[in-house]
Every structure is written in C-alpha cells, then in structure tokens.
Protein backbone atom coordinates (compact mmCIF):
# COMPACT_ATOMS: atom_id res chain seq x y z
CA UNK A 1 110.64 -31.59 14.07
CA UNK A 2 107.46 -30.92 12.09
CA UNK A 3 108.66 -33.22 9.34
CA UNK A 4 109.38 -36.01 11.82
CA UNK A 5 105.87 -35.72 13.30
CA UNK A 6 104.40 -35.97 9.85
CA UNK A 7 106.42 -39.08 9.07
CA UNK A 8 105.36 -40.70 12.37
CA UNK A 9 101.76 -39.76 11.62
CA UNK A 10 101.97 -41.41 8.19
CA UNK A 11 103.59 -44.54 9.73
CA UNK A 12 100.75 -44.93 12.21
CA UNK A 13 98.12 -44.17 9.63
CA UNK A 14 99.53 -46.87 7.38
CA UNK A 15 99.75 -49.47 10.16
CA UNK A 16 96.13 -48.70 11.13
CA UNK A 17 95.01 -49.35 7.57
CA UNK A 18 94.14 -45.71 6.90
CA UNK A 19 96.57 -45.33 3.96
CA UNK A 20 98.29 -47.49 1.40
CA UNK A 21 101.96 -48.31 1.30
CA UNK A 22 102.16 -47.17 -2.27
CA UNK A 23 100.87 -43.64 -1.70
CA UNK A 24 102.50 -40.77 -3.39
CA UNK A 25 105.64 -40.83 -1.24
CA UNK A 26 105.80 -44.49 -0.12
CA UNK A 27 107.73 -45.66 2.93
CA UNK A 28 111.43 -46.14 3.04
CA UNK A 29 112.53 -49.49 4.58
CA UNK A 30 114.25 -47.78 7.47
CA UNK A 31 115.11 -49.28 10.89
CA UNK A 32 112.74 -46.78 12.45
CA UNK A 33 109.81 -48.08 10.43
CA UNK A 34 110.65 -51.72 11.12
CA UNK A 35 110.79 -51.06 14.89
CA UNK A 36 107.44 -49.24 14.78
CA UNK A 37 105.86 -52.09 12.79
CA UNK A 38 107.17 -54.69 15.29
CA UNK A 39 105.83 -52.66 18.23
CA UNK A 40 102.49 -52.32 16.49
CA UNK A 41 102.23 -56.10 16.01
CA UNK A 42 103.03 -56.69 19.69
CA UNK A 43 100.30 -54.29 20.74
CA UNK A 44 97.80 -56.15 18.56
CA UNK A 45 95.19 -53.39 18.37
CA UNK A 46 93.68 -50.96 15.86
CA UNK A 47 95.23 -47.59 16.35
CA UNK A 48 94.54 -44.15 14.97
CA UNK A 49 97.02 -41.39 15.52
CA UNK A 50 94.29 -38.78 15.78
CA UNK A 51 91.51 -40.76 17.42
CA UNK A 52 92.84 -43.55 19.66
CA UNK A 53 92.32 -45.32 22.98
CA UNK A 54 95.83 -44.78 24.25
CA UNK A 55 95.23 -46.45 27.64
CA UNK A 56 94.16 -49.76 26.08
CA UNK A 57 97.01 -49.67 23.63
CA UNK A 58 99.52 -48.89 26.35
CA UNK A 59 98.28 -51.69 28.62
CA UNK A 60 98.48 -54.37 25.93
CA UNK A 61 101.83 -53.15 24.70
CA UNK A 62 103.25 -53.01 28.19
CA UNK A 63 102.05 -56.56 28.96
CA UNK A 64 103.64 -57.93 25.82
CA UNK A 65 107.06 -56.43 26.48
CA UNK A 66 109.60 -58.04 28.78
CA UNK A 67 110.14 -56.58 32.23
CA UNK A 68 113.54 -55.26 31.34
CA UNK A 69 112.17 -53.50 28.23
CA UNK A 70 109.28 -51.71 29.94
CA UNK A 71 109.54 -47.93 30.06
CA UNK A 72 106.61 -46.50 31.99
CA UNK A 73 105.90 -42.80 31.57
CA UNK A 74 104.99 -40.82 34.65
CA UNK A 75 101.27 -40.77 33.91
CA UNK A 76 101.18 -44.51 33.33
CA UNK A 77 103.14 -45.06 36.55
CA UNK A 78 100.52 -43.16 38.52
CA UNK A 79 97.76 -45.28 36.99
CA UNK A 80 99.59 -48.47 37.89
CA UNK A 81 100.18 -47.20 41.41
CA UNK A 82 96.49 -46.47 41.88
CA UNK A 83 95.60 -49.88 40.51
CA UNK A 84 97.98 -51.56 42.96
CA UNK A 85 96.46 -49.62 45.86
CA UNK A 86 93.00 -50.69 44.71
CA UNK A 87 94.02 -54.36 44.64
CA UNK A 88 95.52 -54.10 48.12
CA UNK A 89 92.32 -52.51 49.45
CA UNK A 90 90.24 -55.32 47.98
CA UNK A 91 92.53 -57.93 49.56
CA UNK A 92 92.36 -56.24 52.96
CA UNK A 93 88.60 -56.02 52.69
CA UNK A 94 88.36 -59.72 51.90
CA UNK A 95 90.56 -60.64 54.87
CA UNK A 96 88.53 -58.39 57.16
CA UNK A 97 85.31 -60.02 55.95
CA UNK A 98 86.66 -63.49 56.57
CA UNK A 99 87.92 -62.61 60.04
CA UNK A 100 84.64 -60.97 61.06
CA UNK A 101 82.32 -63.40 59.30
CA UNK A 102 83.91 -66.72 60.25
CA UNK A 103 86.45 -66.11 63.04
CA UNK A 104 85.79 -69.38 64.84
CA UNK A 105 86.38 -71.49 61.75
CA UNK A 106 89.51 -69.57 60.78
CA UNK A 107 90.96 -69.81 64.29
CA UNK A 108 90.14 -73.51 64.35
CA UNK A 109 91.96 -74.10 61.06
CA UNK A 110 94.97 -72.02 62.09
CA UNK A 111 95.13 -73.87 65.41
CA UNK A 112 94.96 -77.20 63.62
CA UNK A 113 97.83 -76.19 61.35
CA UNK A 114 99.94 -75.00 64.27
CA UNK A 115 99.12 -77.91 66.59
CA UNK A 116 101.75 -80.65 66.69
CA UNK A 117 100.96 -84.22 65.74
CA UNK A 118 99.72 -86.07 68.84
CA UNK A 119 100.22 -89.71 69.77
CA UNK A 120 98.01 -91.70 72.13
CA UNK A 121 98.90 -94.82 74.12
CA UNK A 122 96.04 -96.63 75.87
CA UNK A 123 96.46 -99.68 78.09
CA UNK A 124 93.93 -102.48 78.48
CA UNK A 125 91.93 -103.14 81.61
CA UNK A 126 93.63 -106.41 82.53
CA UNK A 127 97.21 -106.43 81.25
CA UNK A 128 99.57 -109.30 81.94
CA UNK A 129 102.20 -106.64 82.68
CA UNK A 130 102.46 -102.87 82.68
CA UNK A 131 103.16 -100.85 79.52
CA UNK A 132 106.39 -98.86 79.07
CA UNK A 133 106.51 -95.82 76.78
CA UNK A 134 109.60 -93.77 75.84
CA UNK A 135 108.76 -90.15 75.00
CA UNK A 136 110.57 -88.06 72.32
CA UNK A 137 112.91 -86.51 74.92
CA UNK A 138 113.92 -89.91 76.35
CA UNK A 139 111.58 -89.75 79.36
CA UNK A 140 110.31 -93.20 80.37
CA UNK A 141 106.70 -93.73 81.40
CA UNK A 142 105.37 -96.95 82.96
CA UNK A 143 101.58 -97.15 82.60
CA UNK A 144 99.17 -99.14 84.73
CA UNK A 145 95.94 -100.74 83.49
CA UNK A 146 93.12 -98.68 81.89
CA UNK A 147 95.34 -95.62 81.44
CA UNK A 148 95.70 -93.19 78.55
CA UNK A 149 98.72 -91.05 77.74
CA UNK A 150 98.77 -88.35 75.04
CA UNK A 151 101.98 -86.66 73.90
CA UNK A 152 103.33 -84.87 70.79
CA UNK A 153 105.42 -86.73 68.24
CA UNK A 154 108.08 -84.09 68.90
CA UNK A 155 108.28 -81.65 71.81
CA UNK A 156 108.46 -77.97 70.88
CA UNK A 157 111.10 -75.70 72.35
CA UNK A 158 110.13 -74.22 75.69
CA UNK A 159 107.65 -76.84 76.85
CA UNK A 160 107.14 -80.57 77.24
CA UNK A 161 103.50 -81.28 78.04
CA UNK A 162 101.67 -84.61 78.11
CA UNK A 163 98.14 -85.59 79.16
CA UNK A 164 97.39 -88.49 81.51
CA UNK A 165 94.23 -90.30 82.49
CA UNK A 166 94.92 -93.20 84.83
CA UNK A 167 98.12 -94.15 86.62
CA UNK A 168 101.73 -93.88 85.51
CA UNK A 169 105.25 -93.65 86.85
CA UNK A 170 107.48 -91.04 85.19
CA UNK A 171 111.28 -91.08 85.00
CA UNK A 172 111.87 -87.68 83.44
CA UNK A 173 114.92 -86.54 81.54
CA UNK A 174 115.49 -83.28 83.37
CA UNK A 175 115.76 -80.11 81.29
CA UNK A 176 115.33 -76.84 83.18
CA UNK A 177 114.94 -74.87 79.94
CA UNK A 178 111.99 -77.06 78.84
CA UNK A 179 109.74 -77.88 81.81
CA UNK A 180 107.99 -81.26 81.79
CA UNK A 181 104.28 -80.94 82.65
CA UNK A 182 101.68 -83.66 83.11
CA UNK A 183 98.17 -82.34 82.53
CA UNK A 184 95.32 -84.06 84.40
CA UNK A 185 91.59 -83.35 84.30
CA UNK A 186 91.69 -80.90 87.21
CA UNK A 187 95.35 -80.14 87.89
CA UNK A 188 98.87 -80.04 86.47
CA UNK A 189 102.05 -81.66 87.76
CA UNK A 190 105.28 -79.91 86.80
CA UNK A 191 108.51 -81.85 87.07
CA UNK A 192 111.32 -80.14 88.93
CA UNK A 193 113.34 -83.35 89.43
CA UNK A 194 113.53 -86.79 87.91
CA UNK A 195 110.94 -89.39 88.99
CA UNK A 196 107.42 -89.45 90.40
CA UNK A 197 104.17 -91.42 90.28
CA UNK A 198 100.68 -90.10 89.50
CA UNK A 199 97.38 -91.84 90.09
CA UNK A 200 94.44 -90.00 88.52
CA UNK A 201 91.78 -92.43 87.33
CA UNK A 202 88.52 -90.94 86.03
CA UNK A 203 85.80 -91.08 88.65
CA UNK A 204 88.30 -91.24 91.50
CA UNK A 205 87.81 -88.35 93.91
CA UNK A 206 91.51 -88.28 94.75
CA UNK A 207 94.59 -87.58 92.67
CA UNK A 208 97.72 -89.03 94.27
CA UNK A 209 101.31 -88.00 93.57
CA UNK A 210 104.42 -89.64 95.07
CA UNK A 211 107.90 -88.21 94.42
CA UNK A 212 110.80 -90.67 94.34
CA UNK A 213 113.57 -88.20 93.51
CA UNK A 214 113.92 -84.52 92.78
CA UNK A 215 110.75 -82.47 93.24
CA UNK A 216 107.48 -81.58 91.55
CA UNK A 217 105.00 -78.74 91.77
CA UNK A 218 101.26 -79.42 91.92
CA UNK A 219 98.95 -76.80 90.45
CA UNK A 220 95.18 -77.02 90.89
CA UNK A 221 93.42 -75.48 87.88
CA UNK A 222 90.20 -74.08 89.35
CA UNK A 223 91.25 -72.93 92.82
CA UNK A 224 94.77 -71.92 91.77
CA UNK A 225 96.18 -73.88 94.69
CA UNK A 226 99.83 -74.98 94.57
CA UNK A 227 102.08 -77.31 96.53
CA UNK A 228 105.73 -78.29 96.25
CA UNK A 229 106.66 -81.94 96.83
CA UNK A 230 110.26 -83.05 97.34
CA UNK A 231 111.71 -86.54 97.20
CA UNK A 232 110.11 -88.85 99.76
CA UNK A 233 106.92 -86.76 99.96
CA UNK A 234 103.43 -87.41 98.66
CA UNK A 235 100.44 -85.26 97.84
CA UNK A 236 96.73 -85.82 97.42
CA UNK A 237 94.19 -83.61 95.74
CA UNK A 238 90.59 -84.12 96.87
CA UNK A 239 88.04 -82.92 94.34
CA UNK A 240 85.31 -82.62 96.98
CA UNK A 241 87.31 -80.06 98.95
CA UNK A 242 89.42 -78.61 96.14
CA UNK A 243 92.48 -78.73 98.39
CA UNK A 244 95.93 -80.29 98.08
CA UNK A 245 97.15 -82.30 101.07
CA UNK A 246 100.89 -82.85 101.53
CA UNK A 247 102.61 -85.57 103.59
CA UNK A 248 106.33 -85.95 104.25
CA UNK A 249 106.16 -89.68 103.50
CA UNK A 250 105.33 -91.90 100.53
CA UNK A 251 102.27 -94.10 100.21
CA UNK A 252 103.55 -97.57 101.17
CA UNK A 253 102.14 -99.22 98.03
CA UNK A 254 102.47 -96.47 95.44
CA UNK A 255 104.64 -98.68 93.21
CA UNK A 256 103.03 -102.03 94.05
CA UNK A 257 101.51 -102.38 90.58
CA UNK A 258 105.09 -102.36 89.21
CA UNK A 259 106.93 -104.30 91.93
CA UNK A 260 104.09 -106.68 92.90
CA UNK A 261 104.99 -105.98 96.52
CA UNK A 262 102.25 -104.82 98.91
CA UNK A 263 102.42 -103.89 102.55
CA UNK A 264 99.57 -103.29 105.02
CA UNK A 265 99.72 -102.04 108.60
CA UNK A 266 96.41 -101.89 110.45
CA UNK A 267 94.83 -101.14 107.11
CA UNK A 268 91.02 -101.56 106.76
CA UNK A 269 90.18 -104.48 104.49
CA UNK A 270 88.25 -102.14 102.17
CA UNK A 271 91.55 -100.30 101.46
CA UNK A 272 93.42 -103.62 101.20
CA UNK A 273 90.97 -104.83 98.57
CA UNK A 274 91.28 -101.53 96.64
CA UNK A 275 95.06 -101.96 96.54
CA UNK A 276 94.85 -105.56 95.40
CA UNK A 277 92.40 -104.57 92.66
CA UNK A 278 94.84 -101.96 91.41
CA UNK A 279 97.79 -104.38 91.43
CA UNK A 280 96.14 -107.52 90.06
CA UNK A 281 93.34 -105.92 88.00
CA UNK A 282 90.48 -107.88 89.53
CA UNK A 283 87.25 -107.05 91.34
CA UNK A 284 87.08 -107.87 95.08
CA UNK A 285 83.82 -107.34 97.00
CA UNK A 286 82.35 -108.32 100.37
CA UNK A 287 78.80 -109.16 101.41
CA UNK A 288 78.88 -107.69 104.94
CA UNK A 289 79.77 -103.96 105.26
CA UNK A 290 81.54 -104.72 108.54
CA UNK A 291 84.14 -106.77 106.69
CA UNK A 292 85.53 -103.63 105.11
CA UNK A 293 86.32 -102.15 108.53
CA UNK A 294 88.43 -105.09 109.74
CA UNK A 295 92.12 -104.07 110.15
CA UNK A 296 94.81 -106.05 108.43
CA UNK A 297 98.60 -106.19 108.73
CA UNK A 298 100.83 -108.16 106.36
CA UNK A 299 103.58 -107.92 103.74
CA UNK A 300 103.43 -109.74 100.41
CA UNK A 301 106.25 -109.89 97.90
CA UNK A 302 105.35 -111.25 94.47
CA UNK A 303 102.66 -113.51 95.91
CA UNK A 304 100.02 -115.07 93.73
CA UNK A 305 96.68 -113.31 94.26
CA UNK A 306 94.94 -116.60 95.07
CA UNK A 307 97.37 -117.19 97.96
CA UNK A 308 96.87 -113.67 99.29
CA UNK A 309 93.08 -114.13 99.27
CA UNK A 310 93.34 -117.40 101.19
CA UNK A 311 95.62 -115.86 103.83
CA UNK A 312 93.31 -112.87 104.37
CA UNK A 313 90.24 -115.12 104.64
CA UNK A 314 91.95 -117.43 107.13
CA UNK A 315 93.22 -114.52 109.27
CA UNK A 316 89.72 -113.09 109.78
CA UNK A 317 87.75 -116.35 109.63
CA UNK A 318 86.08 -115.40 106.38
CA UNK A 319 85.20 -117.29 103.24
CA UNK A 320 86.44 -116.15 99.82
CA UNK A 321 84.52 -117.35 96.78
CA UNK A 322 85.93 -116.92 93.29
CA UNK A 323 83.40 -115.18 91.07
CA UNK A 324 84.33 -114.58 87.46
CA UNK A 325 87.75 -112.91 87.42
CA UNK A 326 87.34 -111.67 91.02
CA UNK A 327 86.53 -112.72 94.57
CA UNK A 328 83.69 -112.23 97.05
CA UNK A 329 84.37 -112.25 100.81
CA UNK A 330 81.69 -113.17 103.31
CA UNK A 331 81.44 -114.23 106.93
CA UNK A 332 81.32 -117.92 107.81
C-alpha cells in the first residue's frame, strides 16, 4: 500500500511538472499511468499532490466527464446539494420580488396569455339589411343597425359568453353543460332555451328581452335582481329604477327590424316614430309636442317607409316633410 501511494505521488508530481520523466526510476508505460494522464488532461489544471486546490480540480474534472462516468464522493455530493439549494433559494427570491414589486403587470400578462382570442362584429348605422353571424358553437345571431357583438374564436369548456351592445336576435344551440350567456353593460342574459331577442342600445334607459322559445334568466349586475322568462314572455330592465319588469306577452314589434312588419294599437305617435326609426334606420321628429301624444292604430307588412309616413300624416291631418334621410311632422 505504501509503495502504491508513492507511485501515485510520483505520477502526480510528474504530471504537475514537478519532476522529470527520466528521473532515476522512470515511469513504466502502464494502463494505470495512461488513465491518470488522460484524466489529468481532462481536468486541465495545475495540480500538486501535497499542496492542491482539490475543489477546483474536482469541479472541472466532473464537468468534463460524461454523466454516466461521474462518480461523486459523499463530500462532493453534499457540496452539490447545498449549491442546488442555494440556486433554488435565489430563484424563489426572484419570483417573490417580481410578484411583490410588479403584481399588476404580471397579472396583466398572465391574463393576456390565458385570455382567448376575441372577435368583434360591428354593424353600420344604416344597413340595407341586417347582419347575420354564426358563432363557433353554431349559434346564429341576427344583428340590427349600430350594434356590436364580441365573442371568442373558440368557446372554452364550461362557458359560452358573448358581449352585446345594441340589438340582436339569438337562435342558440342549446347545451346544458355549457351555458350561453350574453353580457350587457348592466346585466346578463343566460340562455335556458333556444331563441330570444335583446335590445340594449347605449344611452337607452331600458333593456328589452323577448323570448320566442325555451327560457332565459335575467341577472342584474348591481342590484343582484333576477327574473326567469319563458317562451312568449318579455322583460324590461329600467336603469333608473334598477328593477326588472316581467310581462307574460311579447312586444308586438320586437322582430319588426327583421320581418319589416309593424303593428300599432292605440300607440302614441312618439312610440310609433321610435319603432319606425329602429326598423328603417331614419330620424323622425315632430315640431309640436302634442303630436307625439296622438294615438295611432295600424298594421304594416313590408311597406315602404315613404308610404307609411304619408298614411300617418293623412290620418291625423299632419304634414310630413322629408329632411335629409328622415322626416319632420308638423300640424297643418
């Protein structure tokens, strides 16, 4: 054993340049010497058997060897373990700093990454005909003038939510496992059936919902009010009162902008003009406030707006003057 240590010591001394190969005993060209010389070259450092930096030598040697060839002594293993723990602590500290220093920005970025791609369809103020949109699930949406619909390119499992500003008629592909929800500025409409109409133009104090088939649930965001509407029923939400009003009948003209059929029964002319504006996308005004209170009864099916205006004027002995794209009513 002593002799072996001396030979190893002479090998290392020679490789470190501390002795010559042709000393008094020389070195036999043994496999042991060749392996030691190869290992020394891989380590690439100056080494002294008696006075060495073993940690540096070990690190460089260990890095140069393949993973399969590494043999880590217990002491070196402990050092590597402590180093790994140190790296993990630094990483955790960095994450903690980022979360506490810039939480809003990080949350914003994570939200952006998680948020689905959104599509937007916006109709013009005076369309020649209504716009039809087919959603990713097959639901059909007919949109009236000056309306905006936002929806994801692909619905996620568990929810189908769209945003509406304006007026639209929904024919929903029913899926009880994935509720269909229309989000408005101040309330939500959840589909529990198949078809319904929503009118929710910005600036309008009333949101109107008419259910053709199935049922829907209205949910008011601020007051937490709810109402269930079944087929043949209608509901109105008044922002000034914050309440939902339910009627067991449909508004007579809720689909007039699609069918071009309007019906009035003792309806004040102010409401008649509002309906005609919504159907034909024009502006109708009157010079005398009393004109708006006059009752009117009539049914029109696919009539030209000009003909309707003439009939109304003749019925109440009024004059109707075309002004721009609209009309102005006044007394004779």
